Amino acid sequence: MTIQSLQFRNGAVSLGSIFVSSWGYEQTNTYFYQVTALRGKKTAVLRRIAAQQVKADSSMSGELKPVPDDFKGEPITRRIRDEYESPSVFIESFERAIITDPSESHFYSSWG
């Protein structure tokens, strides 16, 4: 039996849900991840997906939107956390991704 959705106190995570991370020091790295499988009560399999620039503020900043199903990496398995404003996952110790609406754009900036 394939799990289609998991319910949390701060929202739901479904197959195809998109997460966004935004992190960095001198630049803002913005990455998108798509849920490709759900396991148990709190675990998601995610894959990084492509981003499309939808606005350029300058040559080094702008806004991005996710491109669902345009996978860019190997699957990763992460536990979904529900202690924040919306479901989230830690991709790495320095990178937390939160669930987002796929039509929403997100700021990025680059250096050099």
Protein backbone atom coordinates (compact mmCIF):
# COMPACT_ATOMS: atom_id res chain seq x y z
CA MET A 1 0.00 0.00 0.00
CA THR A 2 1.42 3.37 -1.08
CA ILE A 3 1.04 6.25 1.36
CA GLN A 4 -0.41 9.29 -0.42
CA SER A 5 -0.42 11.84 2.42
CA LEU A 6 0.76 12.39 5.99
CA GLN A 7 -1.09 14.73 8.36
CA PHE A 8 0.69 16.90 10.94
CA ARG A 9 -0.55 19.50 13.41
CA ASN A 10 0.80 22.27 11.13
CA GLY A 11 -0.19 20.89 7.72
CA ALA A 12 -0.09 17.92 5.39
CA VAL A 13 2.65 16.44 3.24
CA SER A 14 1.58 14.57 0.12
CA LEU A 15 3.27 12.82 -2.77
CA GLY A 16 4.46 15.63 -5.02
CA SER A 17 4.66 18.24 -2.24
CA ILE A 18 7.41 20.82 -2.77
CA PHE A 19 9.84 21.98 -0.08
CA VAL A 20 12.10 25.04 -0.38
CA SER A 21 15.34 25.84 1.43
CA SER A 22 17.02 29.22 1.61
CA TRP A 23 20.43 29.45 3.21
CA GLY A 24 23.84 31.07 2.88
CA TYR A 25 26.13 33.76 4.23
CA GLU A 26 27.23 36.15 1.46
CA GLN A 27 24.67 34.75 -0.96
CA THR A 28 21.23 33.21 -0.64
CA ASN A 29 21.12 29.66 -2.00
CA THR A 30 17.56 28.61 -2.81
CA TYR A 31 16.85 24.94 -3.55
CA PHE A 32 13.64 23.04 -4.16
CA TYR A 33 12.84 19.42 -3.24
CA GLN A 34 9.89 17.27 -4.29
CA VAL A 35 8.38 14.43 -2.25
CA THR A 36 8.60 11.20 -4.28
CA ALA A 37 7.55 8.73 -1.57
CA LEU A 38 6.21 8.69 1.98
CA ARG A 39 7.15 6.05 4.55
CA GLY A 40 5.74 5.31 7.96
CA LYS A 41 4.25 8.17 9.95
CA LYS A 42 6.90 10.89 9.56
CA THR A 43 9.34 10.06 6.76
CA ALA A 44 9.61 11.42 3.21
CA VAL A 45 11.81 10.54 0.27
CA LEU A 46 12.78 13.75 -1.53
CA ARG A 47 14.65 14.66 -4.67
CA ARG A 48 16.08 18.04 -5.55
CA ILE A 49 14.36 19.63 -8.54
CA ALA A 50 15.24 22.40 -10.97
CA ALA A 51 14.38 26.03 -10.43
CA GLN A 52 13.25 28.58 -13.00
CA GLN A 53 14.14 32.25 -12.70
CA VAL A 54 10.93 34.29 -12.82
CA LYS A 55 12.33 37.70 -11.87
CA ALA A 56 15.77 39.32 -12.03
CA ASP A 57 16.39 42.12 -9.53
CA SER A 58 19.97 42.48 -10.79
CA SER A 59 22.60 40.30 -12.47
CA MET A 60 23.14 38.60 -9.09
CA SER A 61 19.67 38.31 -7.52
CA GLY A 62 16.06 37.60 -8.31
CA GLU A 63 13.27 35.13 -7.70
CA LEU A 64 12.92 31.44 -8.49
CA LYS A 65 10.03 28.99 -8.79
CA PRO A 66 10.30 25.21 -8.64
CA VAL A 67 10.03 23.03 -11.75
CA PRO A 68 8.19 19.92 -10.52
CA ASP A 69 9.38 16.54 -11.84
CA ASP A 70 12.64 17.99 -13.26
CA PHE A 71 14.85 15.99 -10.89
CA LYS A 72 18.47 17.00 -10.27
CA GLY A 73 19.83 14.55 -7.74
CA GLU A 74 19.57 11.24 -6.01
CA PRO A 75 16.75 10.54 -3.56
CA ILE A 76 17.29 11.41 0.09
CA THR A 77 15.22 10.17 3.02
CA ARG A 78 14.39 12.64 5.78
CA ARG A 79 12.12 12.80 8.82
CA ILE A 80 9.39 15.41 8.60
CA ARG A 81 9.37 17.83 11.51
CA ASP A 82 6.25 19.60 12.71
CA GLU A 83 7.53 22.00 15.35
CA TYR A 84 7.68 25.03 13.03
CA GLU A 85 4.97 27.04 11.25
CA SER A 86 4.69 24.39 8.53
CA PRO A 87 6.11 20.91 7.92
CA SER A 88 9.88 20.98 7.40
CA VAL A 89 12.88 18.72 6.90
CA PHE A 90 16.59 19.13 7.57
CA ILE A 91 18.45 18.47 4.31
CA GLU A 92 21.83 19.00 6.01
CA SER A 93 22.77 20.39 9.42
CA PHE A 94 22.83 23.91 7.90
CA GLU A 95 19.91 23.54 5.49
CA ARG A 96 16.26 23.33 6.54
CA ALA A 97 13.50 23.14 3.92
CA ILE A 98 9.87 24.07 4.52
CA ILE A 99 6.83 23.08 2.53
CA THR A 100 5.81 25.68 -0.06
CA ASP A 101 3.18 26.36 -2.68
CA PRO A 102 4.72 25.41 -6.07
CA SER A 103 3.38 28.63 -7.62
CA GLU A 104 5.17 30.82 -5.05
CA SER A 105 8.48 32.46 -6.01
CA HIS A 106 11.48 32.69 -3.65
CA PHE A 107 14.42 35.12 -3.44
CA TYR A 108 17.97 34.09 -4.34
CA SER A 109 21.26 35.93 -4.67
CA SER A 110 24.69 34.95 -5.96
CA TRP A 111 28.19 36.15 -5.41
CA GLY A 112 30.70 36.68 -8.19
